[in-house]
Amino acid sequence: NAIAGSIIGAVGTGIFLTVFGYGFYGGFFTSLSLDSAEQRINDYVAEHGSPPADNEGAALLAGETDGWANELTYTRTENGYEIRSAGLDGQMYTDDDHTLVR
């Protein structure tokens, strides 16, 4: 019984670390991706004087992914822009999205 308990405990710990580690590291790499994407947009603004239109911004961020391999999205807003990651669940506009608004 002690061996079975140890095995169950080890498996449970492994699952816990995998799930929460995946979320933590995904969030860390998403922050890096958002910073990189922001720099691309800021470079565009420095050259053109205002944020790019949606299609231009999307082209600038093409291939930029978050920590869960989801592509980042770009939206021009009335006062600036938004760059969004779908987050861990891979679905846009849910509670786990990572969003940079400028």
C-alpha atoms as a PDB file:
ATOM      1  CA  ASN A   1       0.000   0.000   0.000  1.00  0.00           C
ATOM      2  CA  ALA A   2       2.857   2.369   0.733  1.00  0.00           C
ATOM      3  CA  ILE A   3       4.368   1.706  -2.699  1.00  0.00           C
ATOM      4  CA  ALA A   4       1.016   2.271  -4.426  1.00  0.00           C
ATOM      5  CA  GLY A   5       0.565   5.509  -2.479  1.00  0.00           C
ATOM      6  CA  SER A   6       4.031   6.679  -3.485  1.00  0.00           C
ATOM      7  CA  ILE A   7       3.357   5.910  -7.139  1.00  0.00           C
ATOM      8  CA  ILE A   8       0.001   7.698  -7.082  1.00  0.00           C
ATOM      9  CA  GLY A   9       1.614  10.682  -5.347  1.00  0.00           C
ATOM     10  CA  ALA A  10       4.432  10.847  -7.892  1.00  0.00           C
ATOM     11  CA  VAL A  11       2.020  10.647 -10.831  1.00  0.00           C
ATOM     12  CA  GLY A  12      -0.209  13.322  -9.300  1.00  0.00           C
ATOM     13  CA  THR A  13       2.776  15.594  -8.720  1.00  0.00           C
ATOM     14  CA  GLY A  14       3.926  15.068 -12.306  1.00  0.00           C
ATOM     15  CA  ILE A  15       0.498  15.962 -13.661  1.00  0.00           C
ATOM     16  CA  PHE A  16       0.298  19.034 -11.421  1.00  0.00           C
ATOM     17  CA  LEU A  17       3.733  20.282 -12.498  1.00  0.00           C
ATOM     18  CA  THR A  18       3.007  19.607 -16.160  1.00  0.00           C
ATOM     19  CA  VAL A  19      -0.298  21.499 -16.154  1.00  0.00           C
ATOM     20  CA  PHE A  20       0.828  24.464 -14.075  1.00  0.00           C
ATOM     21  CA  GLY A  21       4.323  24.555 -15.565  1.00  0.00           C
ATOM     22  CA  TYR A  22       2.837  24.644 -19.065  1.00  0.00           C
ATOM     23  CA  GLY A  23       0.644  27.570 -18.072  1.00  0.00           C
ATOM     24  CA  PHE A  24       3.481  29.446 -16.362  1.00  0.00           C
ATOM     25  CA  TYR A  25       6.049  29.022 -19.116  1.00  0.00           C
ATOM     26  CA  GLY A  26       3.447  29.681 -21.801  1.00  0.00           C
ATOM     27  CA  GLY A  27       2.632  32.960 -20.077  1.00  0.00           C
ATOM     28  CA  PHE A  28       6.317  33.858 -19.811  1.00  0.00           C
ATOM     29  CA  PHE A  29       6.973  33.243 -23.510  1.00  0.00           C
ATOM     30  CA  THR A  30       3.759  35.070 -24.409  1.00  0.00           C
ATOM     31  CA  SER A  31       5.041  38.155 -22.578  1.00  0.00           C
ATOM     32  CA  LEU A  32       8.227  37.988 -24.652  1.00  0.00           C
ATOM     33  CA  SER A  33       6.208  37.623 -27.863  1.00  0.00           C
ATOM     34  CA  LEU A  34       3.972  40.561 -26.968  1.00  0.00           C
ATOM     35  CA  ASP A  35       7.057  42.691 -26.284  1.00  0.00           C
ATOM     36  CA  SER A  36       8.526  41.739 -29.665  1.00  0.00           C
ATOM     37  CA  ALA A  37       5.232  42.438 -31.436  1.00  0.00           C
ATOM     38  CA  GLU A  38       4.908  45.794 -29.690  1.00  0.00           C
ATOM     39  CA  GLN A  39       8.385  46.760 -30.870  1.00  0.00           C
ATOM     40  CA  ARG A  40       7.458  45.940 -34.468  1.00  0.00           C
ATOM     41  CA  ILE A  41       4.358  48.124 -34.243  1.00  0.00           C
ATOM     42  CA  ASN A  42       6.275  50.923 -32.505  1.00  0.00           C
ATOM     43  CA  ASP A  43       8.877  50.851 -35.284  1.00  0.00           C
ATOM     44  CA  TYR A  44       6.050  51.249 -37.799  1.00  0.00           C
ATOM     45  CA  VAL A  45       4.584  54.158 -35.799  1.00  0.00           C
ATOM     46  CA  ALA A  46       8.002  55.849 -35.642  1.00  0.00           C
ATOM     47  CA  GLU A  47       8.294  55.623 -39.422  1.00  0.00           C
ATOM     48  CA  HIS A  48       4.686  56.428 -40.402  1.00  0.00           C
ATOM     49  CA  GLY A  49       3.369  58.565 -37.530  1.00  0.00           C
ATOM     50  CA  SER A  50       0.435  56.349 -36.549  1.00  0.00           C
ATOM     51  CA  PRO A  51      -0.349  52.674 -35.927  1.00  0.00           C
ATOM     52  CA  PRO A  52      -0.910  50.489 -38.986  1.00  0.00           C
ATOM     53  CA  ALA A  53      -4.327  49.467 -40.267  1.00  0.00           C
ATOM     54  CA  ASP A  54      -5.513  45.992 -39.248  1.00  0.00           C
ATOM     55  CA  ASN A  55      -4.167  44.236 -42.354  1.00  0.00           C
ATOM     56  CA  GLU A  56      -0.784  46.008 -42.189  1.00  0.00           C
ATOM     57  CA  GLY A  57      -0.428  45.262 -38.479  1.00  0.00           C
ATOM     58  CA  ALA A  58      -1.348  41.622 -39.042  1.00  0.00           C
ATOM     59  CA  ALA A  59       1.317  41.415 -41.756  1.00  0.00           C
ATOM     60  CA  LEU A  60       3.913  42.916 -39.406  1.00  0.00           C
ATOM     61  CA  LEU A  61       3.111  40.263 -36.801  1.00  0.00           C
ATOM     62  CA  ALA A  62       2.858  37.329 -39.226  1.00  0.00           C
ATOM     63  CA  GLY A  63       4.480  34.274 -37.685  1.00  0.00           C
ATOM     64  CA  GLU A  64       4.644  35.784 -34.180  1.00  0.00           C
ATOM     65  CA  THR A  65       3.132  33.247 -31.772  1.00  0.00           C
ATOM     66  CA  ASP A  66       2.383  33.135 -28.074  1.00  0.00           C
ATOM     67  CA  GLY A  67       3.739  30.610 -25.591  1.00  0.00           C
ATOM     68  CA  TRP A  68       1.145  28.059 -26.700  1.00  0.00           C
ATOM     69  CA  ALA A  69       1.882  28.363 -30.466  1.00  0.00           C
ATOM     70  CA  ASN A  70      -1.196  30.514 -31.185  1.00  0.00           C
ATOM     71  CA  GLU A  71      -0.678  33.396 -33.605  1.00  0.00           C
ATOM     72  CA  LEU A  72      -0.972  36.872 -32.128  1.00  0.00           C
ATOM     73  CA  THR A  73      -3.683  39.145 -33.502  1.00  0.00           C
ATOM     74  CA  TYR A  74      -3.507  42.877 -34.135  1.00  0.00           C
ATOM     75  CA  THR A  75      -6.383  45.363 -34.103  1.00  0.00           C
ATOM     76  CA  ARG A  76      -6.156  49.098 -34.718  1.00  0.00           C
ATOM     77  CA  THR A  77      -8.311  50.925 -32.171  1.00  0.00           C
ATOM     78  CA  GLU A  78      -9.647  54.468 -32.047  1.00  0.00           C
ATOM     79  CA  ASN A  79      -6.784  55.615 -29.821  1.00  0.00           C
ATOM     80  CA  GLY A  80      -4.019  53.138 -30.654  1.00  0.00           C
ATOM     81  CA  TYR A  81      -3.900  49.381 -31.069  1.00  0.00           C
ATOM     82  CA  GLU A  82      -4.370  46.015 -29.383  1.00  0.00           C
ATOM     83  CA  ILE A  83      -2.221  42.908 -29.681  1.00  0.00           C
ATOM     84  CA  ARG A  84      -3.849  39.745 -28.345  1.00  0.00           C
ATOM     85  CA  SER A  85      -2.827  36.193 -27.520  1.00  0.00           C
ATOM     86  CA  ALA A  86      -5.517  33.516 -27.323  1.00  0.00           C
ATOM     87  CA  GLY A  87      -3.877  32.172 -24.170  1.00  0.00           C
ATOM     88  CA  LEU A  88      -3.737  28.623 -22.884  1.00  0.00           C
ATOM     89  CA  ASP A  89      -7.182  27.615 -24.201  1.00  0.00           C
ATOM     90  CA  GLY A  90      -6.381  28.783 -27.753  1.00  0.00           C
ATOM     91  CA  GLN A  91      -9.694  30.676 -28.003  1.00  0.00           C
ATOM     92  CA  MET A  92      -9.825  34.428 -28.559  1.00  0.00           C
ATOM     93  CA  TYR A  93     -11.814  36.710 -26.255  1.00  0.00           C
ATOM     94  CA  THR A  94     -11.859  34.406 -23.241  1.00  0.00           C
ATOM     95  CA  ASP A  95     -10.648  35.062 -19.705  1.00  0.00           C
ATOM     96  CA  ASP A  96      -7.169  33.624 -20.251  1.00  0.00           C
ATOM     97  CA  ASP A  97      -6.223  35.890 -23.177  1.00  0.00           C
ATOM     98  CA  HIS A  98      -3.092  37.999 -22.835  1.00  0.00           C
ATOM     99  CA  THR A  99      -3.680  41.483 -24.220  1.00  0.00           C
ATOM    100  CA  LEU A 100      -1.448  44.473 -24.817  1.00  0.00           C
ATOM    101  CA  VAL A 101      -3.360  47.727 -25.374  1.00  0.00           C
ATOM    102  CA  ARG A 102      -1.639  50.950 -26.413  1.00  0.00           C
END
